Amino acid sequence: AALVPTFSFGLKLCCYTVRYEEPLVVEDLTAGVRVDVPLTTRYMKILETAIRGRPDQWLWYHDRWKQLRLGGVLA
């Protein structure tokens, strides 16, 4: 199945715009690019571009500093 990167951006109260990127079709890729790491890298570049274009629209749910809050050591 194709992976279609899709992003939703808030414009104003109760108004959004949805942007669809070009689909990533695994069958169209060469055998060397089909493995997980290069495919993930391609997707992450698309995601990074979207975040850099509208950083005010991005939320980070990961508790990045949990170890420090709990007195642990970061690895």
PDB file of N, CA and C in Angstrom:
ATOM      1  N   ALA A   1       0.845  -1.186   0.000  1.00  0.00           N
ATOM      2  CA  ALA A   1       0.000   0.000   0.000  1.00  0.00           C
ATOM      3  C   ALA A   1       0.886   1.243   0.000  1.00  0.00           C
ATOM      4  N   ALA A   2       0.439   2.244  -0.675  1.00  0.00           N
ATOM      5  CA  ALA A   2       1.180   3.509  -0.721  1.00  0.00           C
ATOM      6  C   ALA A   2       1.039   4.247   0.597  1.00  0.00           C
ATOM      7  N   LEU A   3       2.075   4.950   0.958  1.00  0.00           N
ATOM      8  CA  LEU A   3       2.055   5.806   2.144  1.00  0.00           C
ATOM      9  C   LEU A   3       1.859   7.236   1.651  1.00  0.00           C
ATOM     10  N   VAL A   4       0.778   7.863   2.086  1.00  0.00           N
ATOM     11  CA  VAL A   4       0.476   9.226   1.648  1.00  0.00           C
ATOM     12  C   VAL A   4       0.649  10.157   2.850  1.00  0.00           C
ATOM     13  N   PRO A   5       1.775  10.878   2.922  1.00  0.00           N
ATOM     14  CA  PRO A   5       1.960  11.824   4.014  1.00  0.00           C
ATOM     15  C   PRO A   5       0.886  12.914   3.950  1.00  0.00           C
ATOM     16  N   THR A   6       0.184  13.094   5.046  1.00  0.00           N
ATOM     17  CA  THR A   6      -0.933  14.028   5.113  1.00  0.00           C
ATOM     18  C   THR A   6      -0.757  14.922   6.335  1.00  0.00           C
ATOM     19  N   PHE A   7      -0.957  16.209   6.152  1.00  0.00           N
ATOM     20  CA  PHE A   7      -0.790  17.167   7.235  1.00  0.00           C
ATOM     21  C   PHE A   7      -2.007  18.077   7.315  1.00  0.00           C
ATOM     22  N   SER A   8      -2.421  18.384   8.523  1.00  0.00           N
ATOM     23  CA  SER A   8      -3.534  19.287   8.768  1.00  0.00           C
ATOM     24  C   SER A   8      -2.999  20.498   9.520  1.00  0.00           C
ATOM     25  N   PHE A   9      -3.287  21.687   9.010  1.00  0.00           N
ATOM     26  CA  PHE A   9      -2.818  22.925   9.626  1.00  0.00           C
ATOM     27  C   PHE A   9      -3.998  23.811   9.982  1.00  0.00           C
ATOM     28  N   GLY A  10      -3.978  24.340  11.202  1.00  0.00           N
ATOM     29  CA  GLY A  10      -5.011  25.269  11.614  1.00  0.00           C
ATOM     30  C   GLY A  10      -4.772  26.637  10.997  1.00  0.00           C
ATOM     31  N   LEU A  11      -5.819  27.236  10.471  1.00  0.00           N
ATOM     32  CA  LEU A  11      -5.713  28.561   9.861  1.00  0.00           C
ATOM     33  C   LEU A  11      -6.209  29.635  10.821  1.00  0.00           C
ATOM     34  N   LYS A  12      -7.385  29.422  11.361  1.00  0.00           N
ATOM     35  CA  LYS A  12      -7.963  30.304  12.360  1.00  0.00           C
ATOM     36  C   LYS A  12      -8.970  29.462  13.131  1.00  0.00           C
ATOM     37  N   LEU A  13      -9.668  30.039  14.047  1.00  0.00           N
ATOM     38  CA  LEU A  13     -10.609  29.296  14.870  1.00  0.00           C
ATOM     39  C   LEU A  13     -11.560  28.473  13.999  1.00  0.00           C
ATOM     40  N   CYS A  14     -11.539  27.181  14.165  1.00  0.00           N
ATOM     41  CA  CYS A  14     -12.423  26.232  13.470  1.00  0.00           C
ATOM     42  C   CYS A  14     -12.165  26.101  11.969  1.00  0.00           C
ATOM     43  N   CYS A  15     -11.030  26.557  11.477  1.00  0.00           N
ATOM     44  CA  CYS A  15     -10.713  26.418  10.061  1.00  0.00           C
ATOM     45  C   CYS A  15      -9.357  25.738   9.898  1.00  0.00           C
ATOM     46  N   TYR A  16      -9.333  24.738   9.034  1.00  0.00           N
ATOM     47  CA  TYR A  16      -8.116  23.971   8.800  1.00  0.00           C
ATOM     48  C   TYR A  16      -7.892  23.799   7.312  1.00  0.00           C
ATOM     49  N   THR A  17      -6.658  23.539   6.973  1.00  0.00           N
ATOM     50  CA  THR A  17      -6.325  23.148   5.613  1.00  0.00           C
ATOM     51  C   THR A  17      -5.598  21.812   5.701  1.00  0.00           C
ATOM     52  N   VAL A  18      -5.832  20.962   4.739  1.00  0.00           N
ATOM     53  CA  VAL A  18      -5.197  19.648   4.706  1.00  0.00           C
ATOM     54  C   VAL A  18      -4.299  19.595   3.481  1.00  0.00           C
ATOM     55  N   ARG A  19      -3.067  19.148   3.683  1.00  0.00           N
ATOM     56  CA  ARG A  19      -2.116  19.035   2.584  1.00  0.00           C
ATOM     57  C   ARG A  19      -1.708  17.572   2.420  1.00  0.00           C
ATOM     58  N   TYR A  20      -1.790  17.079   1.205  1.00  0.00           N
ATOM     59  CA  TYR A  20      -1.384  15.720   0.869  1.00  0.00           C
ATOM     60  C   TYR A  20      -0.095  15.795   0.065  1.00  0.00           C
ATOM     61  N   GLU A  21       0.895  15.041   0.490  1.00  0.00           N
ATOM     62  CA  GLU A  21       2.153  14.970  -0.252  1.00  0.00           C
ATOM     63  C   GLU A  21       2.075  13.842  -1.279  1.00  0.00           C
ATOM     64  N   GLU A  22       3.069  13.770  -2.130  1.00  0.00           N
ATOM     65  CA  GLU A  22       3.149  12.686  -3.108  1.00  0.00           C
ATOM     66  C   GLU A  22       3.227  11.346  -2.385  1.00  0.00           C
ATOM     67  N   PRO A  23       2.490  10.348  -2.838  1.00  0.00           N
ATOM     68  CA  PRO A  23       2.539   9.040  -2.173  1.00  0.00           C
ATOM     69  C   PRO A  23       3.910   8.379  -2.312  1.00  0.00           C
ATOM     70  N   LEU A  24       4.299   7.677  -1.270  1.00  0.00           N
ATOM     71  CA  LEU A  24       5.493   6.839  -1.319  1.00  0.00           C
ATOM     72  C   LEU A  24       5.015   5.427  -1.619  1.00  0.00           C
ATOM     73  N   VAL A  25       5.244   4.978  -2.829  1.00  0.00           N
ATOM     74  CA  VAL A  25       4.796   3.659  -3.248  1.00  0.00           C
ATOM     75  C   VAL A  25       5.993   2.719  -3.192  1.00  0.00           C
ATOM     76  N   VAL A  26       5.923   1.735  -2.307  1.00  0.00           N
ATOM     77  CA  VAL A  26       7.051   0.841  -2.076  1.00  0.00           C
ATOM     78  C   VAL A  26       7.426   0.084  -3.350  1.00  0.00           C
ATOM     79  N   GLU A  27       6.453  -0.318  -4.137  1.00  0.00           N
ATOM     80  CA  GLU A  27       6.734  -1.084  -5.354  1.00  0.00           C
ATOM     81  C   GLU A  27       7.539  -0.279  -6.375  1.00  0.00           C
ATOM     82  N   ASP A  28       7.451   1.047  -6.304  1.00  0.00           N
ATOM     83  CA  ASP A  28       8.181   1.902  -7.238  1.00  0.00           C
ATOM     84  C   ASP A  28       9.650   2.083  -6.843  1.00  0.00           C
ATOM     85  N   LEU A  29      10.010   1.663  -5.655  1.00  0.00           N
ATOM     86  CA  LEU A  29      11.372   1.856  -5.155  1.00  0.00           C
ATOM     87  C   LEU A  29      12.277   0.717  -5.604  1.00  0.00           C
ATOM     88  N   THR A  30      13.554   1.011  -5.703  1.00  0.00           N
ATOM     89  CA  THR A  30      14.516  -0.041  -6.028  1.00  0.00           C
ATOM     90  C   THR A  30      14.685  -0.934  -4.808  1.00  0.00           C
ATOM     91  N   ALA A  31      15.215  -2.131  -5.023  1.00  0.00           N
ATOM     92  CA  ALA A  31      15.373  -3.100  -3.928  1.00  0.00           C
ATOM     93  C   ALA A  31      16.228  -2.539  -2.802  1.00  0.00           C
ATOM     94  N   GLY A  32      17.246  -1.756  -3.123  1.00  0.00           N
ATOM     95  CA  GLY A  32      18.123  -1.193  -2.093  1.00  0.00           C
ATOM     96  C   GLY A  32      17.445  -0.141  -1.233  1.00  0.00           C
ATOM     97  N   VAL A  33      16.404   0.481  -1.735  1.00  0.00           N
ATOM     98  CA  VAL A  33      15.712   1.542  -0.995  1.00  0.00           C
ATOM     99  C   VAL A  33      14.485   1.000  -0.266  1.00  0.00           C
ATOM    100  N   ARG A  34      14.055  -0.199  -0.580  1.00  0.00           N
ATOM    101  CA  ARG A  34      12.856  -0.764   0.039  1.00  0.00           C
ATOM    102  C   ARG A  34      13.033  -1.151   1.498  1.00  0.00           C
ATOM    103  N   VAL A  35      14.244  -1.345   1.932  1.00  0.00           N
ATOM    104  CA  VAL A  35      14.461  -1.737   3.322  1.00  0.00           C
ATOM    105  C   VAL A  35      14.007  -0.614   4.242  1.00  0.00           C
ATOM    106  N   ASP A  36      13.782  -0.961   5.502  1.00  0.00           N
ATOM    107  CA  ASP A  36      13.157  -0.037   6.447  1.00  0.00           C
ATOM    108  C   ASP A  36      13.873   1.298   6.612  1.00  0.00           C
ATOM    109  N   VAL A  37      15.185   1.277   6.804  1.00  0.00           N
ATOM    110  CA  VAL A  37      15.898   2.514   7.141  1.00  0.00           C
ATOM    111  C   VAL A  37      15.795   3.566   6.035  1.00  0.00           C
ATOM    112  N   PRO A  38      16.125   3.261   4.767  1.00  0.00           N
ATOM    113  CA  PRO A  38      15.990   4.301   3.741  1.00  0.00           C
ATOM    114  C   PRO A  38      14.544   4.783   3.547  1.00  0.00           C
ATOM    115  N   LEU A  39      13.580   3.883   3.664  1.00  0.00           N
ATOM    116  CA  LEU A  39      12.186   4.288   3.509  1.00  0.00           C
ATOM    117  C   LEU A  39      11.763   5.199   4.652  1.00  0.00           C
ATOM    118  N   THR A  40      12.171   4.838   5.859  1.00  0.00           N
ATOM    119  CA  THR A  40      11.879   5.682   7.023  1.00  0.00           C
ATOM    120  C   THR A  40      12.572   7.030   6.887  1.00  0.00           C
ATOM    121  N   THR A  41      13.784   7.038   6.386  1.00  0.00           N
ATOM    122  CA  THR A  41      14.526   8.287   6.189  1.00  0.00           C
ATOM    123  C   THR A  41      13.792   9.194   5.215  1.00  0.00           C
ATOM    124  N   ARG A  42      13.287   8.637   4.125  1.00  0.00           N
ATOM    125  CA  ARG A  42      12.529   9.447   3.150  1.00  0.00           C
ATOM    126  C   ARG A  42      11.289  10.054   3.801  1.00  0.00           C
ATOM    127  N   TYR A  43      10.571   9.240   4.591  1.00  0.00           N
ATOM    128  CA  TYR A  43       9.373   9.739   5.254  1.00  0.00           C
ATOM    129  C   TYR A  43       9.727  10.829   6.265  1.00  0.00           C
ATOM    130  N   MET A  44      10.792  10.623   7.037  1.00  0.00           N
ATOM    131  CA  MET A  44      11.178  11.600   8.052  1.00  0.00           C
ATOM    132  C   MET A  44      11.590  12.933   7.427  1.00  0.00           C
ATOM    133  N   LYS A  45      12.183  12.901   6.236  1.00  0.00           N
ATOM    134  CA  LYS A  45      12.522  14.149   5.540  1.00  0.00           C
ATOM    135  C   LYS A  45      11.259  14.920   5.168  1.00  0.00           C
ATOM    136  N   ILE A  46      10.232  14.205   4.730  1.00  0.00           N
ATOM    137  CA  ILE A  46       8.952  14.842   4.403  1.00  0.00           C
ATOM    138  C   ILE A  46       8.349  15.453   5.671  1.00  0.00           C
ATOM    139  N   LEU A  47       8.373  14.705   6.759  1.00  0.00           N
ATOM    140  CA  LEU A  47       7.842  15.186   8.036  1.00  0.00           C
ATOM    141  C   LEU A  47       8.629  16.395   8.530  1.00  0.00           C
ATOM    142  N   GLU A  48       9.943  16.339   8.437  1.00  0.00           N
ATOM    143  CA  GLU A  48      10.782  17.453   8.868  1.00  0.00           C
ATOM    144  C   GLU A  48      10.474  18.715   8.068  1.00  0.00           C
ATOM    145  N   THR A  49      10.287  18.577   6.778  1.00  0.00           N
ATOM    146  CA  THR A  49       9.966  19.731   5.939  1.00  0.00           C
ATOM    147  C   THR A  49       8.645  20.365   6.370  1.00  0.00           C
ATOM    148  N   ALA A  50       7.656  19.533   6.668  1.00  0.00           N
ATOM    149  CA  ALA A  50       6.354  20.052   7.114  1.00  0.00           C
ATOM    150  C   ALA A  50       6.487  20.772   8.456  1.00  0.00           C
ATOM    151  N   ILE A  51       7.253  20.211   9.365  1.00  0.00           N
ATOM    152  CA  ILE A  51       7.423  20.831  10.690  1.00  0.00           C
ATOM    153  C   ILE A  51       8.190  22.146  10.561  1.00  0.00           C
ATOM    154  N   ARG A  52       9.248  22.147   9.764  1.00  0.00           N
ATOM    155  CA  ARG A  52      10.018  23.387   9.587  1.00  0.00           C
ATOM    156  C   ARG A  52       9.200  24.468   8.895  1.00  0.00           C
ATOM    157  N   GLY A  53       8.282  24.075   8.035  1.00  0.00           N
ATOM    158  CA  GLY A  53       7.425  25.043   7.352  1.00  0.00           C
ATOM    159  C   GLY A  53       6.404  25.687   8.263  1.00  0.00           C
ATOM    160  N   ARG A  54       5.937  24.947   9.271  1.00  0.00           N
ATOM    161  CA  ARG A  54       4.929  25.470  10.202  1.00  0.00           C
ATOM    162  C   ARG A  54       5.227  24.973  11.622  1.00  0.00           C
ATOM    163  N   PRO A  55       6.330  25.386  12.237  1.00  0.00           N
ATOM    164  CA  PRO A  55       6.684  24.871  13.567  1.00  0.00           C
ATOM    165  C   PRO A  55       5.647  25.221  14.641  1.00  0.00           C
ATOM    166  N   ASP A  56       4.900  26.280  14.434  1.00  0.00           N
ATOM    167  CA  ASP A  56       3.877  26.669  15.407  1.00  0.00           C
ATOM    168  C   ASP A  56       2.718  25.679  15.456  1.00  0.00           C
ATOM    169  N   GLN A  57       2.614  24.808  14.468  1.00  0.00           N
ATOM    170  CA  GLN A  57       1.517  23.841  14.397  1.00  0.00           C
ATOM    171  C   GLN A  57       1.899  22.476  14.977  1.00  0.00           C
ATOM    172  N   TRP A  58       3.124  22.317  15.431  1.00  0.00           N
ATOM    173  CA  TRP A  58       3.634  21.008  15.842  1.00  0.00           C
ATOM    174  C   TRP A  58       3.521  20.820  17.351  1.00  0.00           C
ATOM    175  N   LEU A  59       3.051  19.654  17.753  1.00  0.00           N
ATOM    176  CA  LEU A  59       3.009  19.269  19.170  1.00  0.00           C
ATOM    177  C   LEU A  59       3.913  18.071  19.376  1.00  0.00           C
ATOM    178  N   TRP A  60       4.648  18.072  20.470  1.00  0.00           N
ATOM    179  CA  TRP A  60       5.521  16.951  20.798  1.00  0.00           C
ATOM    180  C   TRP A  60       4.959  16.307  22.053  1.00  0.00           C
ATOM    181  N   TYR A  61       4.440  15.087  21.937  1.00  0.00           N
ATOM    182  CA  TYR A  61       3.846  14.397  23.078  1.00  0.00           C
ATOM    183  C   TYR A  61       4.837  13.563  23.875  1.00  0.00           C
ATOM    184  N   HIS A  62       6.006  13.310  23.334  1.00  0.00           N
ATOM    185  CA  HIS A  62       7.002  12.484  24.006  1.00  0.00           C
ATOM    186  C   HIS A  62       7.574  13.236  25.206  1.00  0.00           C
ATOM    187  N   ASP A  63       7.663  12.577  26.336  1.00  0.00           N
ATOM    188  CA  ASP A  63       8.234  13.186  27.541  1.00  0.00           C
ATOM    189  C   ASP A  63       9.755  13.081  27.470  1.00  0.00           C
ATOM    190  N   ARG A  64      10.351  13.990  26.761  1.00  0.00           N
ATOM    191  CA  ARG A  64      11.778  13.966  26.487  1.00  0.00           C
ATOM    192  C   ARG A  64      12.634  14.051  27.751  1.00  0.00           C
ATOM    193  N   TRP A  65      12.177  14.744  28.758  1.00  0.00           N
ATOM    194  CA  TRP A  65      12.989  14.991  29.949  1.00  0.00           C
ATOM    195  C   TRP A  65      12.550  14.156  31.148  1.00  0.00           C
ATOM    196  N   LYS A  66      11.830  13.082  30.932  1.00  0.00           N
ATOM    197  CA  LYS A  66      11.310  12.238  32.011  1.00  0.00           C
ATOM    198  C   LYS A  66      12.421  11.746  32.940  1.00  0.00           C
ATOM    199  N   GLN A  67      13.517  11.266  32.366  1.00  0.00           N
ATOM    200  CA  GLN A  67      14.611  10.751  33.191  1.00  0.00           C
ATOM    201  C   GLN A  67      15.155  11.827  34.133  1.00  0.00           C
ATOM    202  N   LEU A  68      15.287  13.039  33.646  1.00  0.00           N
ATOM    203  CA  LEU A  68      15.785  14.128  34.488  1.00  0.00           C
ATOM    204  C   LEU A  68      14.761  14.475  35.581  1.00  0.00           C
ATOM    205  N   ARG A  69      13.488  14.506  35.236  1.00  0.00           N
ATOM    206  CA  ARG A  69      12.462  14.818  36.221  1.00  0.00           C
ATOM    207  C   ARG A  69      12.434  13.796  37.339  1.00  0.00           C
ATOM    208  N   LEU A  70      12.630  12.529  36.982  1.00  0.00           N
ATOM    209  CA  LEU A  70      12.573  11.449  37.960  1.00  0.00           C
ATOM    210  C   LEU A  70      13.913  11.192  38.625  1.00  0.00           C
ATOM    211  N   GLY A  71      14.908  12.037  38.354  1.00  0.00           N
ATOM    212  CA  GLY A  71      16.196  11.898  39.005  1.00  0.00           C
ATOM    213  C   GLY A  71      17.087  10.836  38.398  1.00  0.00           C
ATOM    214  N   GLY A  72      16.727  10.366  37.221  1.00  0.00           N
ATOM    215  CA  GLY A  72      17.540   9.338  36.556  1.00  0.00           C
ATOM    216  C   GLY A  72      18.631   9.942  35.729  1.00  0.00           C
ATOM    217  N   VAL A  73      19.413   9.096  35.129  1.00  0.00           N
ATOM    218  CA  VAL A  73      20.506   9.532  34.271  1.00  0.00           C
ATOM    219  C   VAL A  73      20.103   9.281  32.820  1.00  0.00           C
ATOM    220  N   LEU A  74      20.344  10.253  31.984  1.00  0.00           N
ATOM    221  CA  LEU A  74      20.075  10.089  30.562  1.00  0.00           C
ATOM    222  C   LEU A  74      21.154   9.240  29.933  1.00  0.00           C
ATOM    223  N   ALA A  75      20.724   8.299  29.107  1.00  0.00           N
ATOM    224  CA  ALA A  75      21.715   7.434  28.444  1.00  0.00           C
ATOM    225  C   ALA A  75      22.175   8.054  27.156  1.00  0.00           C
TER     226      ALA A  75
END
